[in-house]
Amino acid sequence: MWLERLSGGGDRHTLEASLTRSDLSSVAGLILFGGILAPMVLMVSLQYTPSQPPHFS
């Protein structure tokens, strides 16, 4: 869909829902958890993950 818009194809007269003030908290939460908190948790958890699997003999 977005590729059609970039290439100039597709219907240019479609209506899209606009963001409202009530959506602000949801968007802020998505940005906080998905864009900031998740990468930080990943980096911290990688510090505690062993680089080699345990050796079973």
N, C-alpha and C. Protein backbone atom coordinates (compact mmCIF):
# COMPACT_ATOMS: atom_id res chain seq x y z
N MET A 1 0.83 -1.18 0.00
CA MET A 1 0.00 0.00 0.00
C MET A 1 0.87 1.25 0.00
N TRP A 2 1.83 1.33 0.90
CA TRP A 2 2.68 2.52 0.93
C TRP A 2 3.58 2.57 -0.28
N LEU A 3 3.91 1.39 -0.85
CA LEU A 3 4.74 1.36 -2.05
C LEU A 3 3.99 1.93 -3.24
N GLU A 4 2.68 1.65 -3.29
CA GLU A 4 1.88 2.23 -4.36
C GLU A 4 1.84 3.74 -4.27
N ARG A 5 1.78 4.26 -3.06
CA ARG A 5 1.77 5.72 -2.89
C ARG A 5 3.08 6.34 -3.33
N LEU A 6 4.19 5.68 -2.99
CA LEU A 6 5.48 6.22 -3.37
C LEU A 6 5.68 6.18 -4.88
N SER A 7 5.16 5.14 -5.52
CA SER A 7 5.34 5.01 -6.96
C SER A 7 4.33 5.83 -7.75
N GLY A 8 3.37 6.42 -7.06
CA GLY A 8 2.38 7.25 -7.75
C GLY A 8 1.13 6.50 -8.14
N GLY A 9 1.06 5.21 -7.88
CA GLY A 9 -0.12 4.42 -8.23
C GLY A 9 -1.14 4.41 -7.11
N GLY A 10 -2.19 3.69 -7.33
CA GLY A 10 -3.21 3.55 -6.30
C GLY A 10 -4.22 4.68 -6.33
N ASP A 11 -5.23 4.55 -5.51
CA ASP A 11 -6.30 5.54 -5.45
C ASP A 11 -5.87 6.69 -4.55
N ARG A 12 -5.82 7.86 -5.09
CA ARG A 12 -5.38 9.03 -4.32
C ARG A 12 -6.52 9.68 -3.54
N HIS A 13 -7.72 9.17 -3.69
CA HIS A 13 -8.88 9.80 -3.06
C HIS A 13 -9.41 8.98 -1.89
N THR A 14 -8.55 8.20 -1.25
CA THR A 14 -9.00 7.42 -0.10
C THR A 14 -8.99 8.30 1.14
N LEU A 15 -9.89 8.02 2.03
CA LEU A 15 -9.97 8.77 3.28
C LEU A 15 -9.26 7.98 4.37
N GLU A 16 -8.45 8.64 5.14
CA GLU A 16 -7.76 8.01 6.25
C GLU A 16 -8.20 8.67 7.55
N ALA A 17 -8.23 7.89 8.60
CA ALA A 17 -8.58 8.44 9.90
C ALA A 17 -7.42 9.28 10.41
N SER A 18 -7.71 10.46 10.89
CA SER A 18 -6.65 11.31 11.42
C SER A 18 -6.48 11.07 12.91
N LEU A 19 -5.31 11.39 13.41
CA LEU A 19 -5.07 11.25 14.84
C LEU A 19 -5.76 12.36 15.59
N THR A 20 -6.33 12.01 16.72
CA THR A 20 -6.99 13.00 17.55
C THR A 20 -6.22 13.16 18.86
N ARG A 21 -6.62 14.12 19.63
CA ARG A 21 -5.95 14.38 20.91
C ARG A 21 -6.07 13.18 21.85
N SER A 22 -7.17 12.45 21.75
CA SER A 22 -7.35 11.28 22.63
C SER A 22 -6.41 10.13 22.24
N ASP A 23 -5.87 10.16 21.03
CA ASP A 23 -4.91 9.14 20.60
C ASP A 23 -3.50 9.42 21.10
N LEU A 24 -3.26 10.59 21.63
CA LEU A 24 -1.92 11.00 22.01
C LEU A 24 -1.30 10.08 23.07
N SER A 25 -2.07 9.67 24.06
CA SER A 25 -1.52 8.81 25.10
C SER A 25 -1.17 7.43 24.54
N SER A 26 -1.97 6.91 23.64
CA SER A 26 -1.67 5.62 23.03
C SER A 26 -0.41 5.69 22.18
N VAL A 27 -0.27 6.74 21.39
CA VAL A 27 0.90 6.90 20.53
C VAL A 27 2.15 7.10 21.39
N ALA A 28 2.04 7.88 22.45
CA ALA A 28 3.18 8.10 23.34
C ALA A 28 3.58 6.78 24.02
N GLY A 29 2.62 5.97 24.42
CA GLY A 29 2.92 4.67 25.02
C GLY A 29 3.60 3.73 24.04
N LEU A 30 3.14 3.72 22.80
CA LEU A 30 3.77 2.87 21.79
C LEU A 30 5.21 3.30 21.53
N ILE A 31 5.44 4.59 21.47
CA ILE A 31 6.80 5.09 21.24
C ILE A 31 7.69 4.77 22.43
N LEU A 32 7.16 4.96 23.64
CA LEU A 32 7.95 4.71 24.84
C LEU A 32 8.33 3.24 24.96
N PHE A 33 7.35 2.36 24.86
CA PHE A 33 7.62 0.94 25.07
C PHE A 33 8.27 0.28 23.86
N GLY A 34 7.83 0.61 22.68
CA GLY A 34 8.35 -0.04 21.49
C GLY A 34 9.66 0.54 20.98
N GLY A 35 9.86 1.82 21.17
CA GLY A 35 11.03 2.46 20.60
C GLY A 35 12.13 2.77 21.59
N ILE A 36 11.81 2.82 22.86
CA ILE A 36 12.81 3.20 23.86
C ILE A 36 13.04 2.08 24.87
N LEU A 37 11.99 1.64 25.52
CA LEU A 37 12.12 0.66 26.60
C LEU A 37 12.53 -0.73 26.09
N ALA A 38 11.94 -1.18 25.00
CA ALA A 38 12.27 -2.52 24.48
C ALA A 38 13.74 -2.65 24.08
N PRO A 39 14.33 -1.70 23.35
CA PRO A 39 15.76 -1.83 23.05
C PRO A 39 16.65 -1.78 24.30
N MET A 40 16.25 -1.00 25.30
CA MET A 40 17.03 -0.95 26.53
C MET A 40 16.98 -2.29 27.25
N VAL A 41 15.81 -2.91 27.32
CA VAL A 41 15.68 -4.23 27.96
C VAL A 41 16.49 -5.26 27.19
N LEU A 42 16.49 -5.18 25.88
CA LEU A 42 17.28 -6.10 25.06
C LEU A 42 18.76 -5.96 25.36
N MET A 43 19.27 -4.74 25.41
CA MET A 43 20.70 -4.54 25.67
C MET A 43 21.10 -5.01 27.06
N VAL A 44 20.26 -4.76 28.05
CA VAL A 44 20.55 -5.21 29.41
C VAL A 44 20.51 -6.73 29.48
N SER A 45 19.53 -7.35 28.84
CA SER A 45 19.43 -8.81 28.90
C SER A 45 20.58 -9.48 28.15
N LEU A 46 21.10 -8.84 27.12
CA LEU A 46 22.24 -9.42 26.41
C LEU A 46 23.51 -9.42 27.27
N GLN A 47 23.60 -8.52 28.23
CA GLN A 47 24.75 -8.51 29.13
C GLN A 47 24.77 -9.75 30.02
N TYR A 48 23.61 -10.29 30.33
CA TYR A 48 23.51 -11.43 31.23
C TYR A 48 23.34 -12.76 30.50
N THR A 49 23.38 -12.74 29.18
CA THR A 49 23.24 -13.97 28.39
C THR A 49 24.63 -14.49 28.08
N PRO A 50 24.91 -15.77 28.39
CA PRO A 50 26.24 -16.30 28.09
C PRO A 50 26.47 -16.34 26.58
N SER A 51 27.71 -16.13 26.17
CA SER A 51 28.03 -16.09 24.76
C SER A 51 28.15 -17.48 24.16
N GLN A 52 28.37 -18.47 24.99
CA GLN A 52 28.46 -19.85 24.52
C GLN A 52 27.41 -20.69 25.23
N PRO A 53 26.85 -21.65 24.50
CA PRO A 53 25.89 -22.53 25.17
C PRO A 53 26.61 -23.43 26.17
N PRO A 54 25.91 -23.93 27.16
CA PRO A 54 26.55 -24.81 28.14
C PRO A 54 27.05 -26.08 27.45
N HIS A 55 28.17 -26.57 27.91
CA HIS A 55 28.78 -27.78 27.33
C HIS A 55 28.32 -28.99 28.12
N PHE A 56 27.61 -29.88 27.44
CA PHE A 56 27.15 -31.11 28.06
C PHE A 56 28.04 -32.26 27.60
N SER A 57 28.56 -33.01 28.55
CA SER A 57 29.40 -34.15 28.14
C SER A 57 28.88 -35.46 28.67
